[in-house]
Every structure is written in C-alpha cells, then in structure tokens.
Amino acid sequence: LPLYELNILDTSVGGLAKYVHRFIETRNYGQVH
C-alpha cells in the first residue's frame, strides 16, 4: 500500500480503498477474498 506516495487529497482510508480497487481491476482478479 502506498502509505507515503499518495497525494495529499488521497492520503486517507478512502484513497487507499480506491488504490486497492485500481489494483484489483488492473490485475483482472475478478471476485476476491
């Protein structure tokens, strides 16, 4: 997780959740646990 790399507006739990979503989409994992 990019705890230190996110811009100031995205340095939040919501910003990290968006990052995880982009990661899952990019990797095309489908349904995940």
ModelCIF file with pLDDT and N, C-alpha, C, O atoms, coordinates in Angstrom:
data_MODEL
#
_entry.id   MODEL 
#
_entity.id                         1 
_entity.type                       polymer 
_entity.pdbx_number_of_molecules   1 
#
_entity_poly.entity_id                      1 
_entity_poly.type                           'polypeptide(L)' 
_entity_poly.nstd_linkage                   no 
_entity_poly.nstd_monomer                   no 
_entity_poly.pdbx_seq_one_letter_code       LPLYELNILDTSVGGLAKYVHRFIETRNYGQVH 
_entity_poly.pdbx_seq_one_letter_code_can   LPLYELNILDTSVGGLAKYVHRFIETRNYGQVH 
_entity_poly.pdbx_strand_id                 A 
#
loop_
_entity_poly_seq.entity_id 
_entity_poly_seq.num 
_entity_poly_seq.mon_id 
_entity_poly_seq.hetero 
1 1  LEU n 
1 2  PRO n 
1 3  LEU n 
1 4  TYR n 
1 5  GLU n 
1 6  LEU n 
1 7  ASN n 
1 8  ILE n 
1 9  LEU n 
1 10 ASP n 
1 11 THR n 
1 12 SER n 
1 13 VAL n 
1 14 GLY n 
1 15 GLY n 
1 16 LEU n 
1 17 ALA n 
1 18 LYS n 
1 19 TYR n 
1 20 VAL n 
1 21 HIS n 
1 22 ARG n 
1 23 PHE n 
1 24 ILE n 
1 25 GLU n 
1 26 THR n 
1 27 ARG n 
1 28 ASN n 
1 29 TYR n 
1 30 GLY n 
1 31 GLN n 
1 32 VAL n 
1 33 HIS n 
#
_struct_asym.id          A 
_struct_asym.entity_id   1 
#
loop_
_ma_qa_metric.id 
_ma_qa_metric.mode 
_ma_qa_metric.name 
_ma_qa_metric.software_group_id 
_ma_qa_metric.type 
1 global pLDDT . pLDDT 
2 local  pLDDT . pLDDT 
#
_ma_qa_metric_global.metric_id      1 
_ma_qa_metric_global.metric_value   93.70 
_ma_qa_metric_global.model_id       1 
_ma_qa_metric_global.ordinal_id     1 
#
loop_
_ma_qa_metric_local.label_asym_id 
_ma_qa_metric_local.label_comp_id 
_ma_qa_metric_local.label_seq_id 
_ma_qa_metric_local.metric_id 
_ma_qa_metric_local.metric_value 
_ma_qa_metric_local.model_id 
_ma_qa_metric_local.ordinal_id 
A LEU 1  2 93.00 1 1  
A PRO 2  2 92.00 1 2  
A LEU 3  2 91.00 1 3  
A TYR 4  2 90.00 1 4  
A GLU 5  2 89.00 1 5  
A LEU 6  2 87.00 1 6  
A ASN 7  2 88.00 1 7  
A ILE 8  2 85.00 1 8  
A LEU 9  2 85.00 1 9  
A ASP 10 2 89.00 1 10 
A THR 11 2 91.00 1 11 
A SER 12 2 92.00 1 12 
A VAL 13 2 95.00 1 13 
A GLY 14 2 95.00 1 14 
A GLY 15 2 95.00 1 15 
A LEU 16 2 96.00 1 16 
A ALA 17 2 97.00 1 17 
A LYS 18 2 96.00 1 18 
A TYR 19 2 97.00 1 19 
A VAL 20 2 97.00 1 20 
A HIS 21 2 97.00 1 21 
A ARG 22 2 97.00 1 22 
A PHE 23 2 98.00 1 23 
A ILE 24 2 98.00 1 24 
A GLU 25 2 97.00 1 25 
A THR 26 2 97.00 1 26 
A ARG 27 2 97.00 1 27 
A ASN 28 2 96.00 1 28 
A TYR 29 2 96.00 1 29 
A GLY 30 2 90.00 1 30 
A GLN 31 2 94.00 1 31 
A VAL 32 2 97.00 1 32 
A HIS 33 2 98.00 1 33 
#
loop_
_atom_site.group_PDB 
_atom_site.id 
_atom_site.type_symbol 
_atom_site.label_atom_id 
_atom_site.label_alt_id 
_atom_site.label_comp_id 
_atom_site.label_asym_id 
_atom_site.label_entity_id 
_atom_site.label_seq_id 
_atom_site.pdbx_PDB_ins_code 
_atom_site.Cartn_x 
_atom_site.Cartn_y 
_atom_site.Cartn_z 
_atom_site.occupancy 
_atom_site.B_iso_or_equiv 
_atom_site.pdbx_formal_charge 
_atom_site.auth_seq_id 
_atom_site.auth_comp_id 
_atom_site.auth_asym_id 
_atom_site.auth_atom_id 
_atom_site.pdbx_PDB_model_num 
ATOM 1   N N  . LEU A 1 1  ? 0.833   -1.204  0.000   1.00 93.00 ? 1  LEU A N  1 
ATOM 2   C CA . LEU A 1 1  ? 0.000   0.000   0.000   1.00 93.00 ? 1  LEU A CA 1 
ATOM 3   C C  . LEU A 1 1  ? 0.871   1.260   0.000   1.00 93.00 ? 1  LEU A C  1 
ATOM 4   O O  . LEU A 1 1  ? 1.856   1.321   0.736   1.00 93.00 ? 1  LEU A O  1 
ATOM 5   N N  . PRO A 1 2  ? 0.528   2.261   -0.809  1.00 92.00 ? 2  PRO A N  1 
ATOM 6   C CA . PRO A 1 2  ? 1.358   3.467   -0.949  1.00 92.00 ? 2  PRO A CA 1 
ATOM 7   C C  . PRO A 1 2  ? 1.096   4.475   0.168   1.00 92.00 ? 2  PRO A C  1 
ATOM 8   O O  . PRO A 1 2  ? 0.604   5.577   -0.075  1.00 92.00 ? 2  PRO A O  1 
ATOM 9   N N  . LEU A 1 3  ? 1.429   4.083   1.387   1.00 91.00 ? 3  LEU A N  1 
ATOM 10  C CA . LEU A 1 3  ? 1.131   4.938   2.544   1.00 91.00 ? 3  LEU A CA 1 
ATOM 11  C C  . LEU A 1 3  ? 1.803   6.300   2.440   1.00 91.00 ? 3  LEU A C  1 
ATOM 12  O O  . LEU A 1 3  ? 1.280   7.289   2.953   1.00 91.00 ? 3  LEU A O  1 
ATOM 13  N N  . TYR A 1 4  ? 2.960   6.360   1.780   1.00 90.00 ? 4  TYR A N  1 
ATOM 14  C CA . TYR A 1 4  ? 3.728   7.603   1.730   1.00 90.00 ? 4  TYR A CA 1 
ATOM 15  C C  . TYR A 1 4  ? 3.736   8.235   0.341   1.00 90.00 ? 4  TYR A C  1 
ATOM 16  O O  . TYR A 1 4  ? 4.306   9.310   0.156   1.00 90.00 ? 4  TYR A O  1 
ATOM 17  N N  . GLU A 1 5  ? 3.110   7.580   -0.635  1.00 89.00 ? 5  GLU A N  1 
ATOM 18  C CA . GLU A 1 5  ? 3.185   8.063   -2.018  1.00 89.00 ? 5  GLU A CA 1 
ATOM 19  C C  . GLU A 1 5  ? 1.929   8.785   -2.497  1.00 89.00 ? 5  GLU A C  1 
ATOM 20  O O  . GLU A 1 5  ? 1.979   9.505   -3.493  1.00 89.00 ? 5  GLU A O  1 
ATOM 21  N N  . LEU A 1 6  ? 0.813   8.605   -1.809  1.00 87.00 ? 6  LEU A N  1 
ATOM 22  C CA . LEU A 1 6  ? -0.434  9.230   -2.255  1.00 87.00 ? 6  LEU A CA 1 
ATOM 23  C C  . LEU A 1 6  ? -0.351  10.752  -2.137  1.00 87.00 ? 6  LEU A C  1 
ATOM 24  O O  . LEU A 1 6  ? 0.312   11.280  -1.245  1.00 87.00 ? 6  LEU A O  1 
ATOM 25  N N  . ASN A 1 7  ? -1.036  11.450  -3.051  1.00 88.00 ? 7  ASN A N  1 
ATOM 26  C CA . ASN A 1 7  ? -1.085  12.909  -2.924  1.00 88.00 ? 7  ASN A CA 1 
ATOM 27  C C  . ASN A 1 7  ? -1.908  13.275  -1.693  1.00 88.00 ? 7  ASN A C  1 
ATOM 28  O O  . ASN A 1 7  ? -2.591  12.425  -1.121  1.00 88.00 ? 7  ASN A O  1 
ATOM 29  N N  . ILE A 1 8  ? -1.842  14.518  -1.296  1.00 85.00 ? 8  ILE A N  1 
ATOM 30  C CA . ILE A 1 8  ? -2.444  14.939  -0.030  1.00 85.00 ? 8  ILE A CA 1 
ATOM 31  C C  . ILE A 1 8  ? -3.949  14.697  0.015   1.00 85.00 ? 8  ILE A C  1 
ATOM 32  O O  . ILE A 1 8  ? -4.491  14.364  1.069   1.00 85.00 ? 8  ILE A O  1 
ATOM 33  N N  . LEU A 1 9  ? -4.630  14.863  -1.124  1.00 85.00 ? 9  LEU A N  1 
ATOM 34  C CA . LEU A 1 9  ? -6.082  14.671  -1.150  1.00 85.00 ? 9  LEU A CA 1 
ATOM 35  C C  . LEU A 1 9  ? -6.470  13.202  -1.009  1.00 85.00 ? 9  LEU A C  1 
ATOM 36  O O  . LEU A 1 9  ? -7.550  12.887  -0.510  1.00 85.00 ? 9  LEU A O  1 
ATOM 37  N N  . ASP A 1 10 ? -5.587  12.303  -1.449  1.00 89.00 ? 10 ASP A N  1 
ATOM 38  C CA . ASP A 1 10 ? -5.883  10.868  -1.396  1.00 89.00 ? 10 ASP A CA 1 
ATOM 39  C C  . ASP A 1 10 ? -5.235  10.164  -0.213  1.00 89.00 ? 10 ASP A C  1 
ATOM 40  O O  . ASP A 1 10 ? -5.352  8.946   -0.080  1.00 89.00 ? 10 ASP A O  1 
ATOM 41  N N  . THR A 1 11 ? -4.553  10.913  0.648   1.00 91.00 ? 11 THR A N  1 
ATOM 42  C CA . THR A 1 11 ? -3.938  10.310  1.833   1.00 91.00 ? 11 THR A CA 1 
ATOM 43  C C  . THR A 1 11 ? -5.019  10.103  2.894   1.00 91.00 ? 11 THR A C  1 
ATOM 44  O O  . THR A 1 11 ? -5.151  10.886  3.835   1.00 91.00 ? 11 THR A O  1 
ATOM 45  N N  . SER A 1 12 ? -5.777  9.039   2.716   1.00 92.00 ? 12 SER A N  1 
ATOM 46  C CA . SER A 1 12 ? -6.923  8.729   3.562   1.00 92.00 ? 12 SER A CA 1 
ATOM 47  C C  . SER A 1 12 ? -7.275  7.262   3.387   1.00 92.00 ? 12 SER A C  1 
ATOM 48  O O  . SER A 1 12 ? -6.782  6.605   2.470   1.00 92.00 ? 12 SER A O  1 
ATOM 49  N N  . VAL A 1 13 ? -8.128  6.747   4.265   1.00 95.00 ? 13 VAL A N  1 
ATOM 50  C CA . VAL A 1 13 ? -8.552  5.352   4.095   1.00 95.00 ? 13 VAL A CA 1 
ATOM 51  C C  . VAL A 1 13 ? -9.335  5.199   2.799   1.00 95.00 ? 13 VAL A C  1 
ATOM 52  O O  . VAL A 1 13 ? -9.237  4.168   2.134   1.00 95.00 ? 13 VAL A O  1 
ATOM 53  N N  . GLY A 1 14 ? -10.112 6.215   2.435   1.00 95.00 ? 14 GLY A N  1 
ATOM 54  C CA . GLY A 1 14 ? -10.839 6.174   1.176   1.00 95.00 ? 14 GLY A CA 1 
ATOM 55  C C  . GLY A 1 14 ? -9.908  6.165   -0.021  1.00 95.00 ? 14 GLY A C  1 
ATOM 56  O O  . GLY A 1 14 ? -10.151 5.455   -0.997  1.00 95.00 ? 14 GLY A O  1 
ATOM 57  N N  . GLY A 1 15 ? -8.837  6.956   0.050   1.00 95.00 ? 15 GLY A N  1 
ATOM 58  C CA . GLY A 1 15 ? -7.847  6.985   -1.029  1.00 95.00 ? 15 GLY A CA 1 
ATOM 59  C C  . GLY A 1 15 ? -7.160  5.641   -1.191  1.00 95.00 ? 15 GLY A C  1 
ATOM 60  O O  . GLY A 1 15 ? -6.904  5.206   -2.313  1.00 95.00 ? 15 GLY A O  1 
ATOM 61  N N  . LEU A 1 16 ? -6.857  4.972   -0.068  1.00 96.00 ? 16 LEU A N  1 
ATOM 62  C CA . LEU A 1 16 ? -6.243  3.646   -0.128  1.00 96.00 ? 16 LEU A CA 1 
ATOM 63  C C  . LEU A 1 16 ? -7.209  2.617   -0.714  1.00 96.00 ? 16 LEU A C  1 
ATOM 64  O O  . LEU A 1 16 ? -6.795  1.723   -1.452  1.00 96.00 ? 16 LEU A O  1 
ATOM 65  N N  . ALA A 1 17 ? -8.510  2.746   -0.380  1.00 97.00 ? 17 ALA A N  1 
ATOM 66  C CA . ALA A 1 17 ? -9.510  1.829   -0.940  1.00 97.00 ? 17 ALA A CA 1 
ATOM 67  C C  . ALA A 1 17 ? -9.607  1.996   -2.455  1.00 97.00 ? 17 ALA A C  1 
ATOM 68  O O  . ALA A 1 17 ? -9.766  1.011   -3.176  1.00 97.00 ? 17 ALA A O  1 
ATOM 69  N N  . LYS A 1 18 ? -9.512  3.233   -2.940  1.00 96.00 ? 18 LYS A N  1 
ATOM 70  C CA . LYS A 1 18 ? -9.514  3.475   -4.390  1.00 96.00 ? 18 LYS A CA 1 
ATOM 71  C C  . LYS A 1 18 ? -8.284  2.838   -5.040  1.00 96.00 ? 18 LYS A C  1 
ATOM 72  O O  . LYS A 1 18 ? -8.365  2.279   -6.134  1.00 96.00 ? 18 LYS A O  1 
ATOM 73  N N  . TYR A 1 19 ? -7.148  2.934   -4.350  1.00 97.00 ? 19 TYR A N  1 
ATOM 74  C CA . TYR A 1 19 ? -5.921  2.324   -4.853  1.00 97.00 ? 19 TYR A CA 1 
ATOM 75  C C  . TYR A 1 19 ? -6.089  0.807   -4.975  1.00 97.00 ? 19 TYR A C  1 
ATOM 76  O O  . TYR A 1 19 ? -5.698  0.212   -5.980  1.00 97.00 ? 19 TYR A O  1 
ATOM 77  N N  . VAL A 1 20 ? -6.673  0.188   -3.946  1.00 97.00 ? 20 VAL A N  1 
ATOM 78  C CA . VAL A 1 20 ? -6.897  -1.263  -3.970  1.00 97.00 ? 20 VAL A CA 1 
ATOM 79  C C  . VAL A 1 20 ? -7.838  -1.630  -5.120  1.00 97.00 ? 20 VAL A C  1 
ATOM 80  O O  . VAL A 1 20 ? -7.627  -2.635  -5.799  1.00 97.00 ? 20 VAL A O  1 
ATOM 81  N N  . HIS A 1 21 ? -8.863  -0.825  -5.337  1.00 97.00 ? 21 HIS A N  1 
ATOM 82  C CA . HIS A 1 21 ? -9.785  -1.080  -6.445  1.00 97.00 ? 21 HIS A CA 1 
ATOM 83  C C  . HIS A 1 21 ? -9.061  -1.023  -7.791  1.00 97.00 ? 21 HIS A C  1 
ATOM 84  O O  . HIS A 1 21 ? -9.263  -1.888  -8.643  1.00 97.00 ? 21 HIS A O  1 
ATOM 85  N N  . ARG A 1 22 ? -8.226  -0.015  -7.979  1.00 97.00 ? 22 ARG A N  1 
ATOM 86  C CA . ARG A 1 22 ? -7.481  0.105   -9.240  1.00 97.00 ? 22 ARG A CA 1 
ATOM 87  C C  . ARG A 1 22 ? -6.531  -1.078  -9.418  1.00 97.00 ? 22 ARG A C  1 
ATOM 88  O O  . ARG A 1 22 ? -6.350  -1.578  -10.529 1.00 97.00 ? 22 ARG A O  1 
ATOM 89  N N  . PHE A 1 23 ? -5.934  -1.516  -8.325  1.00 98.00 ? 23 PHE A N  1 
ATOM 90  C CA . PHE A 1 23 ? -5.028  -2.667  -8.365  1.00 98.00 ? 23 PHE A CA 1 
ATOM 91  C C  . PHE A 1 23 ? -5.774  -3.933  -8.788  1.00 98.00 ? 23 PHE A C  1 
ATOM 92  O O  . PHE A 1 23 ? -5.313  -4.657  -9.670  1.00 98.00 ? 23 PHE A O  1 
ATOM 93  N N  . ILE A 1 24 ? -6.920  -4.202  -8.166  1.00 98.00 ? 24 ILE A N  1 
ATOM 94  C CA . ILE A 1 24 ? -7.706  -5.399  -8.485  1.00 98.00 ? 24 ILE A CA 1 
ATOM 95  C C  . ILE A 1 24 ? -8.188  -5.353  -9.933  1.00 98.00 ? 24 ILE A C  1 
ATOM 96  O O  . ILE A 1 24 ? -8.184  -6.368  -10.630 1.00 98.00 ? 24 ILE A O  1 
ATOM 97  N N  . GLU A 1 25 ? -8.599  -4.178  -10.371 1.00 97.00 ? 25 GLU A N  1 
ATOM 98  C CA . GLU A 1 25 ? -9.056  -4.023  -11.757 1.00 97.00 ? 25 GLU A CA 1 
ATOM 99  C C  . GLU A 1 25 ? -7.896  -4.243  -12.735 1.00 97.00 ? 25 GLU A C  1 
ATOM 100 O O  . GLU A 1 25 ? -8.047  -4.948  -13.733 1.00 97.00 ? 25 GLU A O  1 
ATOM 101 N N  . THR A 1 26 ? -6.747  -3.641  -12.446 1.00 97.00 ? 26 THR A N  1 
ATOM 102 C CA . THR A 1 26 ? -5.587  -3.752  -13.331 1.00 97.00 ? 26 THR A CA 1 
ATOM 103 C C  . THR A 1 26 ? -5.119  -5.197  -13.452 1.00 97.00 ? 26 THR A C  1 
ATOM 104 O O  . THR A 1 26 ? -4.734  -5.650  -14.530 1.00 97.00 ? 26 THR A O  1 
ATOM 105 N N  . ARG A 1 27 ? -5.156  -5.910  -12.337 1.00 97.00 ? 27 ARG A N  1 
ATOM 106 C CA . ARG A 1 27 ? -4.701  -7.298  -12.336 1.00 97.00 ? 27 ARG A CA 1 
ATOM 107 C C  . ARG A 1 27 ? -5.789  -8.267  -12.810 1.00 97.00 ? 27 ARG A C  1 
ATOM 108 O O  . ARG A 1 27 ? -5.523  -9.453  -13.003 1.00 97.00 ? 27 ARG A O  1 
ATOM 109 N N  . ASN A 1 28 ? -6.993  -7.769  -12.994 1.00 96.00 ? 28 ASN A N  1 
ATOM 110 C CA . ASN A 1 28 ? -8.096  -8.578  -13.518 1.00 96.00 ? 28 ASN A CA 1 
ATOM 111 C C  . ASN A 1 28 ? -8.336  -9.821  -12.655 1.00 96.00 ? 28 ASN A C  1 
ATOM 112 O O  . ASN A 1 28 ? -8.460  -10.933 -13.169 1.00 96.00 ? 28 ASN A O  1 
ATOM 113 N N  . TYR A 1 29 ? -8.399  -9.612  -11.340 1.00 96.00 ? 29 TYR A N  1 
ATOM 114 C CA . TYR A 1 29 ? -8.548  -10.738 -10.425 1.00 96.00 ? 29 TYR A CA 1 
ATOM 115 C C  . TYR A 1 29 ? -9.974  -11.276 -10.357 1.00 96.00 ? 29 TYR A C  1 
ATOM 116 O O  . TYR A 1 29 ? -10.182 -12.405 -9.911  1.00 96.00 ? 29 TYR A O  1 
ATOM 117 N N  . GLY A 1 30 ? -10.957 -10.493 -10.792 1.00 90.00 ? 30 GLY A N  1 
ATOM 118 C CA . GLY A 1 30 ? -12.335 -10.942 -10.658 1.00 90.00 ? 30 GLY A CA 1 
ATOM 119 C C  . GLY A 1 30 ? -12.777 -10.881 -9.211  1.00 90.00 ? 30 GLY A C  1 
ATOM 120 O O  . GLY A 1 30 ? -12.403 -9.961  -8.484  1.00 90.00 ? 30 GLY A O  1 
ATOM 121 N N  . GLN A 1 31 ? -13.573 -11.855 -8.786  1.00 94.00 ? 31 GLN A N  1 
ATOM 122 C CA . GLN A 1 31 ? -14.017 -11.874 -7.394  1.00 94.00 ? 31 GLN A CA 1 
ATOM 123 C C  . GLN A 1 31 ? -12.878 -12.313 -6.484  1.00 94.00 ? 31 GLN A C  1 
ATOM 124 O O  . GLN A 1 31 ? -12.147 -13.251 -6.800  1.00 94.00 ? 31 GLN A O  1 
ATOM 125 N N  . VAL A 1 32 ? -12.732 -11.627 -5.349  1.00 97.00 ? 32 VAL A N  1 
ATOM 126 C CA . VAL A 1 32 ? -11.591 -11.866 -4.471  1.00 97.00 ? 32 VAL A CA 1 
ATOM 127 C C  . VAL A 1 32 ? -12.046 -12.124 -3.045  1.00 97.00 ? 32 VAL A C  1 
ATOM 128 O O  . VAL A 1 32 ? -13.155 -11.766 -2.649  1.00 97.00 ? 32 VAL A O  1 
ATOM 129 N N  . HIS A 1 33 ? -11.172 -12.747 -2.295  1.00 98.00 ? 33 HIS A N  1 
ATOM 130 C CA . HIS A 1 33 ? -11.291 -12.845 -0.844  1.00 98.00 ? 33 HIS A CA 1 
ATOM 131 C C  . HIS A 1 33 ? -10.354 -11.777 -0.282  1.00 98.00 ? 33 HIS A C  1 
ATOM 132 O O  . HIS A 1 33 ? -10.247 -11.627 0.935   1.00 98.00 ? 33 HIS A O  1 
#
